[in-house]
Amino acid sequence: MAVDLQELADNIIKGKKNPAVELTKQAIEEGVHPQAIISNGLIAGMAVVGDRFKKNEFYVPEVLIAARAMKECMAVLKPLLADSGVKPVGTVVIGTVKGDLHDIGKNLVAMMLQGNGFEVVDMGVDVSAEKFVEAVKEHHPNAVALSALLTTTMPSMKEIIDGLEAAGLRGKVKVMIGGAPVTQKFADEIGADGYSPDAASAVDTAKALIAAA
C-alpha cells in the first residue's frame, strides 16, 4: 500500500517519532521524492503545529515533541537531499547572545526553521559577536537569528549588528531577533531587519526577510 504523506504529517503533529520515521523510510523505498516527503509530510505537519502554537492550542512541550519527530525524519532524508539536488529554502545562523545561557526558545526556533526547509547552523548559547561574524563568513547565511532572554544581554544584539557592519558583512545578511524581553521597538532601535515574538512567527519572519533580500 502506498504511503499516505498526510498520515506522516499527522504523526509529526502528534509527536509520534517512531511511526513517523517508519513512514519516511517506507516513502523512500517506494521512490517518493525527498522534497515531496518534506513538503507534504514534515512541513505540512509542522505548519499545523506552528499554527496551533500561535493559537495557544499547543504549548512548548507539544512543539518540542513534534519537532523531535520531524528532526528524526530529516536525519533519514538528509543523505538523499544532496543526491536529489534539493536546495534548502535558505540558511540561517542562530544562537543565544553572549552572557545568556537560555536555549529553549532558540532551540524551538531552530527546529521550526528546519521543519520548514531551512538549513540551520546552531551556534548554541553565550555566543559572542566575533563568533557570529566568523559563522557568517564561513556559512554565507541568508539570515542571522539572535535570541536573548535577559534584558541585561539584549545590548549584545547591537554589538553583533555592529560587528557585522565593521566586517563589511551587514549588507549581505538579514538579522532577526527575538526572546521574551525583546520588542519590535528594540529591533528598530538597534537596526535589526526583523523581530518575532515566538517560534512559529520566526519562520514567517525568516521567509519574508529572505524573499525581500
N, C-alpha and C. Protein backbone atom coordinates (compact mmCIF):
# COMPACT_ATOMS: atom_id res chain seq x y z
N MET A 1 0.84 -1.20 0.00
CA MET A 1 0.00 0.00 0.00
C MET A 1 0.88 1.26 0.00
N ALA A 2 0.53 2.20 -0.84
CA ALA A 2 1.34 3.42 -0.95
C ALA A 2 1.26 4.24 0.34
N VAL A 3 2.36 4.87 0.63
CA VAL A 3 2.43 5.69 1.84
C VAL A 3 1.54 6.92 1.69
N ASP A 4 0.80 7.20 2.76
CA ASP A 4 -0.03 8.39 2.80
C ASP A 4 0.77 9.48 3.54
N LEU A 5 1.19 10.51 2.79
CA LEU A 5 2.00 11.56 3.42
C LEU A 5 1.21 12.36 4.44
N GLN A 6 -0.11 12.35 4.30
CA GLN A 6 -0.95 13.02 5.31
C GLN A 6 -0.82 12.28 6.65
N GLU A 7 -0.69 10.95 6.56
CA GLU A 7 -0.50 10.14 7.77
C GLU A 7 0.83 10.50 8.43
N LEU A 8 1.84 10.73 7.59
CA LEU A 8 3.15 11.16 8.11
C LEU A 8 2.99 12.51 8.82
N ALA A 9 2.28 13.44 8.17
CA ALA A 9 2.05 14.76 8.78
C ALA A 9 1.33 14.63 10.12
N ASP A 10 0.33 13.74 10.18
CA ASP A 10 -0.44 13.54 11.42
C ASP A 10 0.46 13.01 12.54
N ASN A 11 1.38 12.11 12.18
CA ASN A 11 2.30 11.57 13.19
C ASN A 11 3.27 12.64 13.70
N ILE A 12 3.66 13.54 12.79
CA ILE A 12 4.51 14.66 13.21
C ILE A 12 3.75 15.54 14.20
N ILE A 13 2.50 15.87 13.86
CA ILE A 13 1.68 16.73 14.71
C ILE A 13 1.54 16.11 16.11
N LYS A 14 1.36 14.78 16.15
CA LYS A 14 1.17 14.10 17.44
C LYS A 14 2.50 13.82 18.12
N GLY A 15 3.60 14.07 17.41
CA GLY A 15 4.92 13.82 18.00
C GLY A 15 5.25 12.34 18.11
N LYS A 16 4.65 11.54 17.24
CA LYS A 16 4.91 10.09 17.27
C LYS A 16 6.13 9.80 16.40
N LYS A 17 7.27 9.79 17.06
CA LYS A 17 8.55 9.73 16.36
C LYS A 17 8.72 8.42 15.57
N ASN A 18 8.53 7.28 16.22
CA ASN A 18 8.82 6.00 15.56
C ASN A 18 7.93 5.74 14.34
N PRO A 19 6.59 5.92 14.46
CA PRO A 19 5.76 5.74 13.25
C PRO A 19 6.14 6.73 12.15
N ALA A 20 6.49 7.95 12.53
CA ALA A 20 6.86 8.96 11.52
C ALA A 20 8.11 8.53 10.76
N VAL A 21 9.11 8.03 11.49
CA VAL A 21 10.35 7.57 10.86
C VAL A 21 10.08 6.38 9.95
N GLU A 22 9.23 5.45 10.41
CA GLU A 22 8.88 4.28 9.59
C GLU A 22 8.21 4.70 8.29
N LEU A 23 7.27 5.64 8.39
CA LEU A 23 6.57 6.12 7.19
C LEU A 23 7.54 6.83 6.24
N THR A 24 8.49 7.56 6.80
CA THR A 24 9.50 8.24 5.97
C THR A 24 10.33 7.21 5.20
N LYS A 25 10.76 6.16 5.91
CA LYS A 25 11.56 5.10 5.26
C LYS A 25 10.75 4.38 4.19
N GLN A 26 9.47 4.15 4.51
CA GLN A 26 8.59 3.46 3.56
C GLN A 26 8.42 4.31 2.29
N ALA A 27 8.25 5.62 2.48
CA ALA A 27 8.08 6.53 1.34
C ALA A 27 9.33 6.52 0.46
N ILE A 28 10.51 6.50 1.09
CA ILE A 28 11.78 6.47 0.35
C ILE A 28 11.85 5.18 -0.47
N GLU A 29 11.50 4.05 0.18
CA GLU A 29 11.55 2.75 -0.51
C GLU A 29 10.61 2.73 -1.71
N GLU A 30 9.48 3.45 -1.59
CA GLU A 30 8.52 3.48 -2.69
C GLU A 30 8.89 4.48 -3.77
N GLY A 31 10.03 5.16 -3.56
CA GLY A 31 10.50 6.07 -4.59
C GLY A 31 9.87 7.45 -4.56
N VAL A 32 9.24 7.80 -3.44
CA VAL A 32 8.68 9.15 -3.33
C VAL A 32 9.85 10.14 -3.24
N HIS A 33 9.76 11.23 -3.98
CA HIS A 33 10.85 12.22 -4.00
C HIS A 33 11.03 12.83 -2.61
N PRO A 34 12.29 12.95 -2.14
CA PRO A 34 12.53 13.52 -0.81
C PRO A 34 11.84 14.87 -0.59
N GLN A 35 11.81 15.70 -1.65
CA GLN A 35 11.17 17.01 -1.50
C GLN A 35 9.68 16.87 -1.20
N ALA A 36 9.04 15.87 -1.81
CA ALA A 36 7.61 15.64 -1.57
C ALA A 36 7.38 15.16 -0.14
N ILE A 37 8.29 14.31 0.35
CA ILE A 37 8.17 13.82 1.73
C ILE A 37 8.29 14.99 2.70
N ILE A 38 9.25 15.87 2.43
CA ILE A 38 9.47 17.03 3.31
C ILE A 38 8.28 17.99 3.23
N SER A 39 7.89 18.35 2.01
CA SER A 39 6.84 19.36 1.83
C SER A 39 5.48 18.86 2.31
N ASN A 40 5.09 17.65 1.84
CA ASN A 40 3.73 17.17 2.10
C ASN A 40 3.59 16.39 3.40
N GLY A 41 4.75 15.99 3.97
CA GLY A 41 4.70 15.26 5.23
C GLY A 41 5.20 16.11 6.39
N LEU A 42 6.50 16.41 6.36
CA LEU A 42 7.13 17.09 7.51
C LEU A 42 6.71 18.54 7.64
N ILE A 43 6.83 19.30 6.55
CA ILE A 43 6.49 20.73 6.61
C ILE A 43 5.00 20.91 6.84
N ALA A 44 4.20 20.06 6.19
CA ALA A 44 2.74 20.14 6.38
C ALA A 44 2.39 19.91 7.85
N GLY A 45 3.05 18.93 8.46
CA GLY A 45 2.80 18.65 9.88
C GLY A 45 3.24 19.79 10.78
N MET A 46 4.45 20.28 10.55
CA MET A 46 4.99 21.36 11.39
C MET A 46 4.22 22.66 11.21
N ALA A 47 3.62 22.85 10.02
CA ALA A 47 2.81 24.06 9.79
C ALA A 47 1.59 24.05 10.71
N VAL A 48 0.99 22.87 10.86
CA VAL A 48 -0.17 22.74 11.77
C VAL A 48 0.28 22.97 13.21
N VAL A 49 1.43 22.39 13.56
CA VAL A 49 1.97 22.57 14.92
C VAL A 49 2.20 24.06 15.20
N GLY A 50 2.81 24.74 14.24
CA GLY A 50 3.08 26.17 14.40
C GLY A 50 1.80 26.97 14.55
N ASP A 51 0.79 26.60 13.76
CA ASP A 51 -0.48 27.30 13.81
C ASP A 51 -1.16 27.11 15.17
N ARG A 52 -1.13 25.86 15.65
CA ARG A 52 -1.76 25.56 16.95
C ARG A 52 -1.00 26.24 18.09
N PHE A 53 0.31 26.36 17.92
CA PHE A 53 1.15 27.04 18.92
C PHE A 53 0.76 28.53 18.98
N LYS A 54 0.58 29.12 17.81
CA LYS A 54 0.19 30.54 17.76
C LYS A 54 -1.16 30.76 18.42
N LYS A 55 -2.06 29.77 18.27
CA LYS A 55 -3.42 29.91 18.83
C LYS A 55 -3.51 29.45 20.28
N ASN A 56 -2.36 29.12 20.87
CA ASN A 56 -2.31 28.60 22.25
C ASN A 56 -3.06 27.28 22.43
N GLU A 57 -3.18 26.51 21.33
CA GLU A 57 -3.77 25.17 21.44
C GLU A 57 -2.67 24.15 21.74
N PHE A 58 -1.43 24.50 21.35
CA PHE A 58 -0.25 23.70 21.66
C PHE A 58 0.68 24.56 22.52
N TYR A 59 1.43 23.90 23.38
CA TYR A 59 2.41 24.61 24.20
C TYR A 59 3.81 24.07 23.89
N VAL A 60 4.81 24.62 24.56
CA VAL A 60 6.20 24.27 24.25
C VAL A 60 6.45 22.75 24.23
N PRO A 61 5.96 21.99 25.23
CA PRO A 61 6.25 20.54 25.20
C PRO A 61 5.75 19.85 23.92
N GLU A 62 4.52 20.19 23.49
CA GLU A 62 3.98 19.56 22.28
C GLU A 62 4.81 19.94 21.06
N VAL A 63 5.24 21.19 21.02
CA VAL A 63 6.04 21.64 19.88
C VAL A 63 7.39 20.91 19.86
N LEU A 64 8.01 20.78 21.03
CA LEU A 64 9.31 20.11 21.10
C LEU A 64 9.21 18.64 20.69
N ILE A 65 8.12 17.98 21.11
CA ILE A 65 7.93 16.56 20.77
C ILE A 65 7.72 16.40 19.26
N ALA A 66 6.90 17.31 18.70
CA ALA A 66 6.67 17.27 17.24
C ALA A 66 7.97 17.55 16.49
N ALA A 67 8.71 18.54 16.96
CA ALA A 67 9.96 18.92 16.30
C ALA A 67 10.98 17.78 16.37
N ARG A 68 10.97 17.07 17.48
CA ARG A 68 11.90 15.93 17.62
C ARG A 68 11.56 14.85 16.60
N ALA A 69 10.27 14.59 16.42
CA ALA A 69 9.86 13.59 15.42
C ALA A 69 10.28 14.03 14.03
N MET A 70 10.07 15.33 13.75
CA MET A 70 10.46 15.88 12.45
C MET A 70 11.96 15.75 12.23
N LYS A 71 12.72 16.03 13.28
CA LYS A 71 14.19 16.01 13.19
C LYS A 71 14.69 14.59 12.87
N GLU A 72 14.08 13.59 13.50
CA GLU A 72 14.48 12.20 13.25
C GLU A 72 14.20 11.82 11.79
N CYS A 73 13.06 12.29 11.27
CA CYS A 73 12.73 12.01 9.87
C CYS A 73 13.71 12.71 8.93
N MET A 74 14.07 13.95 9.29
CA MET A 74 15.04 14.70 8.48
C MET A 74 16.39 13.99 8.44
N ALA A 75 16.76 13.38 9.57
CA ALA A 75 18.04 12.66 9.64
C ALA A 75 18.05 11.50 8.63
N VAL A 76 16.89 10.86 8.46
CA VAL A 76 16.77 9.76 7.48
C VAL A 76 16.88 10.30 6.06
N LEU A 77 16.28 11.48 5.85
CA LEU A 77 16.22 12.06 4.50
C LEU A 77 17.51 12.77 4.07
N LYS A 78 18.26 13.25 5.06
CA LYS A 78 19.40 14.14 4.76
C LYS A 78 20.37 13.57 3.71
N PRO A 79 20.78 12.30 3.83
CA PRO A 79 21.72 11.77 2.82
C PRO A 79 21.17 11.83 1.40
N LEU A 80 19.84 11.76 1.27
CA LEU A 80 19.22 11.75 -0.06
C LEU A 80 19.09 13.15 -0.64
N LEU A 81 19.07 14.16 0.24
CA LEU A 81 18.80 15.52 -0.23
C LEU A 81 19.91 16.02 -1.16
N ALA A 82 21.15 15.77 -0.78
CA ALA A 82 22.28 16.23 -1.61
C ALA A 82 22.23 15.54 -2.98
N ASP A 83 21.93 14.23 -2.97
CA ASP A 83 21.88 13.47 -4.21
C ASP A 83 20.77 13.95 -5.14
N SER A 84 19.63 14.33 -4.53
CA SER A 84 18.48 14.69 -5.38
C SER A 84 18.49 16.17 -5.73
N GLY A 85 19.52 16.88 -5.26
CA GLY A 85 19.64 18.30 -5.62
C GLY A 85 18.61 19.20 -4.96
N VAL A 86 18.04 18.74 -3.85
CA VAL A 86 17.05 19.58 -3.15
C VAL A 86 17.77 20.72 -2.44
N LYS A 87 17.37 21.92 -2.76
CA LYS A 87 18.01 23.09 -2.16
C LYS A 87 17.19 23.55 -0.94
N PRO A 88 17.88 23.92 0.17
CA PRO A 88 17.13 24.46 1.30
C PRO A 88 16.48 25.80 0.93
N VAL A 89 15.45 26.16 1.67
CA VAL A 89 14.76 27.44 1.45
C VAL A 89 15.74 28.59 1.66
N GLY A 90 16.64 28.38 2.60
CA GLY A 90 17.65 29.39 2.93
C GLY A 90 18.48 28.87 4.08
N THR A 91 19.55 29.58 4.40
CA THR A 91 20.40 29.19 5.53
C THR A 91 20.32 30.24 6.62
N VAL A 92 20.14 29.78 7.86
CA VAL A 92 20.06 30.70 9.00
C VAL A 92 21.08 30.28 10.05
N VAL A 93 21.92 31.23 10.47
CA VAL A 93 22.81 31.02 11.61
C VAL A 93 22.04 31.51 12.84
N ILE A 94 21.92 30.66 13.85
CA ILE A 94 21.13 31.03 15.03
C ILE A 94 21.94 30.82 16.31
N GLY A 95 21.69 31.64 17.31
CA GLY A 95 22.36 31.46 18.59
C GLY A 95 21.79 32.38 19.66
N THR A 96 22.03 32.01 20.91
CA THR A 96 21.68 32.89 22.03
C THR A 96 22.91 33.76 22.32
N VAL A 97 22.67 35.04 22.54
CA VAL A 97 23.78 36.00 22.59
C VAL A 97 24.65 35.85 23.84
N LYS A 98 25.81 36.49 23.79
CA LYS A 98 26.80 36.41 24.86
C LYS A 98 26.20 36.77 26.22
N GLY A 99 26.56 35.95 27.22
CA GLY A 99 26.09 36.20 28.59
C GLY A 99 24.76 35.55 28.90
N ASP A 100 24.12 34.96 27.89
CA ASP A 100 22.80 34.37 28.07
C ASP A 100 22.87 32.87 27.81
N LEU A 101 22.40 32.08 28.76
CA LEU A 101 22.51 30.62 28.64
C LEU A 101 21.17 29.94 28.36
N HIS A 102 20.14 30.75 28.05
CA HIS A 102 18.82 30.16 27.78
C HIS A 102 18.77 29.59 26.36
N ASP A 103 18.26 28.38 26.25
CA ASP A 103 18.25 27.81 24.90
C ASP A 103 16.92 27.22 24.44
N ILE A 104 15.89 27.19 25.30
CA ILE A 104 14.64 26.55 24.86
C ILE A 104 14.02 27.31 23.69
N GLY A 105 13.92 28.64 23.82
CA GLY A 105 13.36 29.45 22.74
C GLY A 105 14.16 29.32 21.46
N LYS A 106 15.47 29.41 21.62
CA LYS A 106 16.37 29.30 20.46
C LYS A 106 16.23 27.93 19.80
N ASN A 107 16.16 26.88 20.61
CA ASN A 107 16.01 25.52 20.06
C ASN A 107 14.70 25.36 19.32
N LEU A 108 13.64 25.94 19.88
CA LEU A 108 12.33 25.88 19.24
C LEU A 108 12.36 26.54 17.87
N VAL A 109 12.96 27.72 17.82
CA VAL A 109 13.05 28.45 16.54
C VAL A 109 13.88 27.63 15.54
N ALA A 110 15.00 27.08 16.00
CA ALA A 110 15.86 26.27 15.11
C ALA A 110 15.08 25.08 14.55
N MET A 111 14.33 24.40 15.42
CA MET A 111 13.57 23.23 14.98
C MET A 111 12.45 23.62 14.01
N MET A 112 11.78 24.73 14.31
CA MET A 112 10.70 25.18 13.42
C MET A 112 11.26 25.57 12.05
N LEU A 113 12.43 26.20 12.05
CA LEU A 113 13.07 26.57 10.77
C LEU A 113 13.44 25.32 9.98
N GLN A 114 14.05 24.34 10.67
CA GLN A 114 14.42 23.08 10.00
C GLN A 114 13.18 22.38 9.46
N GLY A 115 12.11 22.43 10.24
CA GLY A 115 10.86 21.78 9.83
C GLY A 115 10.22 22.45 8.64
N ASN A 116 10.68 23.66 8.33
CA ASN A 116 10.14 24.39 7.18
C ASN A 116 11.14 24.52 6.05
N GLY A 117 12.13 23.63 6.05
CA GLY A 117 13.03 23.52 4.90
C GLY A 117 14.26 24.40 4.93
N PHE A 118 14.57 25.01 6.08
CA PHE A 118 15.78 25.82 6.19
C PHE A 118 16.97 24.98 6.62
N GLU A 119 18.14 25.36 6.14
CA GLU A 119 19.40 24.81 6.65
C GLU A 119 19.73 25.67 7.87
N VAL A 120 19.94 25.05 9.03
CA VAL A 120 20.17 25.82 10.25
C VAL A 120 21.55 25.52 10.82
N VAL A 121 22.31 26.58 11.08
CA VAL A 121 23.61 26.44 11.75
C VAL A 121 23.40 26.94 13.18
N ASP A 122 23.35 26.00 14.13
CA ASP A 122 23.06 26.36 15.53
C ASP A 122 24.36 26.59 16.29
N MET A 123 24.55 27.84 16.73
CA MET A 123 25.79 28.21 17.42
C MET A 123 25.74 27.94 18.93
N GLY A 124 24.55 27.57 19.42
CA GLY A 124 24.43 27.30 20.85
C GLY A 124 24.12 28.56 21.65
N VAL A 125 24.63 28.60 22.90
CA VAL A 125 24.34 29.73 23.79
C VAL A 125 25.62 30.51 24.11
N ASP A 126 25.44 31.70 24.69
CA ASP A 126 26.57 32.53 25.12
C ASP A 126 27.53 32.79 23.95
N VAL A 127 26.96 33.19 22.81
CA VAL A 127 27.76 33.35 21.59
C VAL A 127 28.17 34.81 21.41
N SER A 128 29.46 35.04 21.28
CA SER A 128 29.99 36.40 21.15
C SER A 128 29.76 36.95 19.74
N ALA A 129 29.89 38.27 19.63
CA ALA A 129 29.76 38.94 18.33
C ALA A 129 30.80 38.37 17.35
N GLU A 130 32.01 38.13 17.85
CA GLU A 130 33.10 37.63 16.99
C GLU A 130 32.73 36.28 16.37
N LYS A 131 32.11 35.41 17.21
CA LYS A 131 31.75 34.08 16.71
C LYS A 131 30.65 34.17 15.65
N PHE A 132 29.71 35.09 15.85
CA PHE A 132 28.66 35.27 14.84
C PHE A 132 29.27 35.76 13.52
N VAL A 133 30.20 36.70 13.62
CA VAL A 133 30.85 37.23 12.42
C VAL A 133 31.60 36.10 11.69
N GLU A 134 32.32 35.27 12.45
CA GLU A 134 33.05 34.14 11.86
C GLU A 134 32.09 33.18 11.15
N ALA A 135 30.94 32.93 11.81
CA ALA A 135 29.96 31.99 11.24
C ALA A 135 29.37 32.53 9.93
N VAL A 136 29.15 33.84 9.88
CA VAL A 136 28.62 34.44 8.65
C VAL A 136 29.64 34.33 7.53
N LYS A 137 30.92 34.55 7.86
CA LYS A 137 31.99 34.41 6.86
C LYS A 137 32.08 32.97 6.34
N GLU A 138 31.90 32.02 7.26
CA GLU A 138 32.07 30.62 6.90
C GLU A 138 30.87 30.05 6.15
N HIS A 139 29.66 30.36 6.61
CA HIS A 139 28.47 29.69 6.07
C HIS A 139 27.67 30.51 5.06
N HIS A 140 27.99 31.79 4.93
CA HIS A 140 27.25 32.68 4.00
C HIS A 140 25.73 32.53 4.13
N PRO A 141 25.18 32.70 5.34
CA PRO A 141 23.74 32.50 5.52
C PRO A 141 22.93 33.64 4.92
N ASN A 142 21.64 33.38 4.73
CA ASN A 142 20.71 34.44 4.32
C ASN A 142 20.35 35.32 5.50
N ALA A 143 20.31 34.69 6.69
CA ALA A 143 19.89 35.43 7.88
C ALA A 143 20.63 34.96 9.12
N VAL A 144 20.72 35.86 10.09
CA VAL A 144 21.26 35.54 11.42
C VAL A 144 20.11 35.76 12.40
N ALA A 145 19.84 34.76 13.24
CA ALA A 145 18.75 34.87 14.22
C ALA A 145 19.35 34.91 15.63
N LEU A 146 19.08 36.00 16.34
CA LEU A 146 19.65 36.21 17.67
C LEU A 146 18.57 36.10 18.74
N SER A 147 18.90 35.36 19.81
CA SER A 147 17.95 35.18 20.90
C SER A 147 18.53 35.71 22.20
N ALA A 148 17.69 36.38 22.99
CA ALA A 148 18.08 36.83 24.34
C ALA A 148 16.88 36.69 25.26
N LEU A 149 17.11 36.14 26.44
CA LEU A 149 16.01 36.01 27.39
C LEU A 149 16.19 36.92 28.59
N LEU A 150 17.33 37.59 28.65
CA LEU A 150 17.60 38.51 29.76
C LEU A 150 17.73 39.92 29.22
N THR A 151 17.13 40.88 29.91
CA THR A 151 17.27 42.28 29.47
C THR A 151 18.73 42.70 29.50
N THR A 152 19.50 42.13 30.42
CA THR A 152 20.91 42.51 30.55
C THR A 152 21.76 42.06 29.37
N THR A 153 21.27 41.05 28.61
CA THR A 153 22.08 40.57 27.47
C THR A 153 21.60 41.15 26.14
N MET A 154 20.48 41.88 26.17
CA MET A 154 19.97 42.46 24.92
C MET A 154 20.98 43.38 24.21
N PRO A 155 21.79 44.17 24.94
CA PRO A 155 22.78 45.01 24.24
C PRO A 155 23.75 44.22 23.36
N SER A 156 23.94 42.92 23.67
CA SER A 156 24.82 42.08 22.84
C SER A 156 24.32 42.01 21.40
N MET A 157 23.00 42.13 21.23
CA MET A 157 22.43 42.07 19.88
C MET A 157 22.94 43.24 19.03
N LYS A 158 23.01 44.40 19.65
CA LYS A 158 23.53 45.59 18.95
C LYS A 158 25.01 45.38 18.62
N GLU A 159 25.75 44.79 19.56
CA GLU A 159 27.18 44.53 19.33
C GLU A 159 27.38 43.61 18.11
N ILE A 160 26.49 42.63 17.98
CA ILE A 160 26.61 41.69 16.86
C ILE A 160 26.35 42.41 15.53
N ILE A 161 25.30 43.24 15.52
CA ILE A 161 25.00 44.01 14.30
C ILE A 161 26.16 44.94 13.96
N ASP A 162 26.73 45.60 14.99
CA ASP A 162 27.90 46.47 14.77
C ASP A 162 29.09 45.67 14.27
N GLY A 163 29.26 44.47 14.80
CA GLY A 163 30.37 43.60 14.38
C GLY A 163 30.25 43.20 12.92
N LEU A 164 29.02 42.90 12.50
CA LEU A 164 28.79 42.54 11.09
C LEU A 164 29.05 43.75 10.19
N GLU A 165 28.66 44.92 10.68
CA GLU A 165 28.90 46.17 9.95
C GLU A 165 30.39 46.40 9.77
N ALA A 166 31.13 46.26 10.87
CA ALA A 166 32.58 46.50 10.85
C ALA A 166 33.30 45.53 9.92
N ALA A 167 32.75 44.31 9.82
CA ALA A 167 33.39 43.29 8.98
C ALA A 167 32.95 43.40 7.51
N GLY A 168 32.08 44.40 7.23
CA GLY A 168 31.61 44.57 5.86
C GLY A 168 30.60 43.54 5.42
N LEU A 169 29.94 42.91 6.40
CA LEU A 169 29.01 41.81 6.08
C LEU A 169 27.55 42.20 6.25
N ARG A 170 27.30 43.36 6.85
CA ARG A 170 25.94 43.71 7.23
C ARG A 170 24.98 43.73 6.04
N GLY A 171 25.49 44.18 4.89
CA GLY A 171 24.63 44.26 3.71
C GLY A 171 24.34 42.90 3.08
N LYS A 172 25.08 41.87 3.52
CA LYS A 172 24.94 40.55 2.89
C LYS A 172 24.02 39.61 3.65
N VAL A 173 23.59 40.03 4.85
CA VAL A 173 22.81 39.11 5.69
C VAL A 173 21.72 39.86 6.43
N LYS A 174 20.56 39.23 6.57
CA LYS A 174 19.47 39.81 7.35
C LYS A 174 19.63 39.41 8.81
N VAL A 175 19.29 40.31 9.71
CA VAL A 175 19.38 40.00 11.14
C VAL A 175 17.98 40.03 11.75
N MET A 176 17.59 38.91 12.38
CA MET A 176 16.30 38.87 13.07
C MET A 176 16.53 38.55 14.54
N ILE A 177 15.71 39.14 15.41
CA ILE A 177 15.92 38.96 16.83
C ILE A 177 14.63 38.53 17.52
N GLY A 178 14.79 37.93 18.71
CA GLY A 178 13.63 37.51 19.47
C GLY A 178 14.02 37.11 20.88
N GLY A 179 13.02 36.77 21.68
CA GLY A 179 13.24 36.44 23.09
C GLY A 179 12.26 37.22 23.94
N ALA A 180 11.99 36.71 25.13
CA ALA A 180 10.93 37.28 25.99
C ALA A 180 10.97 38.80 26.16
N PRO A 181 12.14 39.41 26.48
CA PRO A 181 12.12 40.85 26.73
C PRO A 181 12.24 41.70 25.46
N VAL A 182 12.46 41.04 24.32
CA VAL A 182 12.74 41.76 23.07
C VAL A 182 11.43 42.26 22.45
N THR A 183 11.47 43.45 21.87
CA THR A 183 10.28 44.04 21.24
C THR A 183 10.61 44.53 19.83
N GLN A 184 9.56 44.83 19.09
CA GLN A 184 9.74 45.42 17.76
C GLN A 184 10.46 46.77 17.87
N LYS A 185 10.11 47.52 18.92
CA LYS A 185 10.72 48.84 19.14
C LYS A 185 12.24 48.70 19.30
N PHE A 186 12.64 47.69 20.09
CA PHE A 186 14.08 47.46 20.30
C PHE A 186 14.75 47.05 19.00
N ALA A 187 14.07 46.21 18.23
CA ALA A 187 14.62 45.77 16.93
C ALA A 187 14.86 46.99 16.03
N ASP A 188 13.90 47.92 16.03
CA ASP A 188 14.05 49.14 15.22
C ASP A 188 15.22 49.99 15.72
N GLU A 189 15.33 50.08 17.05
CA GLU A 189 16.39 50.92 17.65
C GLU A 189 17.79 50.44 17.29
N ILE A 190 17.99 49.11 17.27
CA ILE A 190 19.35 48.59 17.02
C ILE A 190 19.60 48.30 15.54
N GLY A 191 18.57 48.51 14.71
CA GLY A 191 18.78 48.31 13.27
C GLY A 191 18.66 46.87 12.80
N ALA A 192 17.91 46.05 13.57
CA ALA A 192 17.67 44.67 13.12
C ALA A 192 16.66 44.70 11.97
N ASP A 193 16.71 43.68 11.12
CA ASP A 193 15.80 43.63 9.97
C ASP A 193 14.44 43.06 10.33
N GLY A 194 14.41 42.22 11.37
CA GLY A 194 13.15 41.57 11.71
C GLY A 194 13.07 41.20 13.17
N TYR A 195 11.84 41.04 13.65
CA TYR A 195 11.58 40.64 15.03
C TYR A 195 10.42 39.66 15.02
N SER A 196 10.49 38.65 15.87
CA SER A 196 9.32 37.78 16.01
C SER A 196 9.10 37.44 17.48
N PRO A 197 7.84 37.46 17.91
CA PRO A 197 7.51 37.23 19.31
C PRO A 197 7.56 35.76 19.73
N ASP A 198 7.50 34.84 18.76
CA ASP A 198 7.52 33.42 19.12
C ASP A 198 8.11 32.59 17.97
N ALA A 199 8.30 31.29 18.28
CA ALA A 199 8.98 30.41 17.32
C ALA A 199 8.22 30.24 16.02
N ALA A 200 6.89 30.17 16.12
CA ALA A 200 6.09 29.95 14.91
C ALA A 200 6.20 31.14 13.96
N SER A 201 6.12 32.35 14.51
CA SER A 201 6.19 33.52 13.63
C SER A 201 7.62 33.80 13.17
N ALA A 202 8.61 33.21 13.85
CA ALA A 202 10.00 33.38 13.41
C ALA A 202 10.20 32.79 12.02
N VAL A 203 9.48 31.72 11.72
CA VAL A 203 9.57 31.10 10.39
C VAL A 203 9.04 32.08 9.34
N ASP A 204 7.90 32.70 9.65
CA ASP A 204 7.32 33.68 8.71
C ASP A 204 8.27 34.85 8.51
N THR A 205 8.87 35.31 9.61
CA THR A 205 9.83 36.43 9.54
C THR A 205 11.01 36.07 8.65
N ALA A 206 11.57 34.88 8.88
CA ALA A 206 12.74 34.44 8.08
C ALA A 206 12.39 34.36 6.60
N LYS A 207 11.22 33.77 6.30
CA LYS A 207 10.82 33.65 4.89
C LYS A 207 10.64 35.02 4.24
N ALA A 208 10.00 35.93 5.00
CA ALA A 208 9.76 37.28 4.46
C ALA A 208 11.06 38.03 4.22
N LEU A 209 12.01 37.91 5.15
CA LEU A 209 13.30 38.60 5.02
C LEU A 209 14.08 38.08 3.82
N ILE A 210 14.06 36.76 3.66
CA ILE A 210 14.83 36.16 2.55
C ILE A 210 14.17 36.52 1.21
N ALA A 211 12.83 36.52 1.20
CA ALA A 211 12.12 36.86 -0.04
C ALA A 211 12.38 38.30 -0.44
N ALA A 212 12.55 39.16 0.56
CA ALA A 212 12.75 40.60 0.28
C ALA A 212 14.19 40.94 -0.04
N ALA A 213 15.10 39.99 0.20
CA ALA A 213 16.53 40.27 0.03
C ALA A 213 16.87 40.50 -1.43
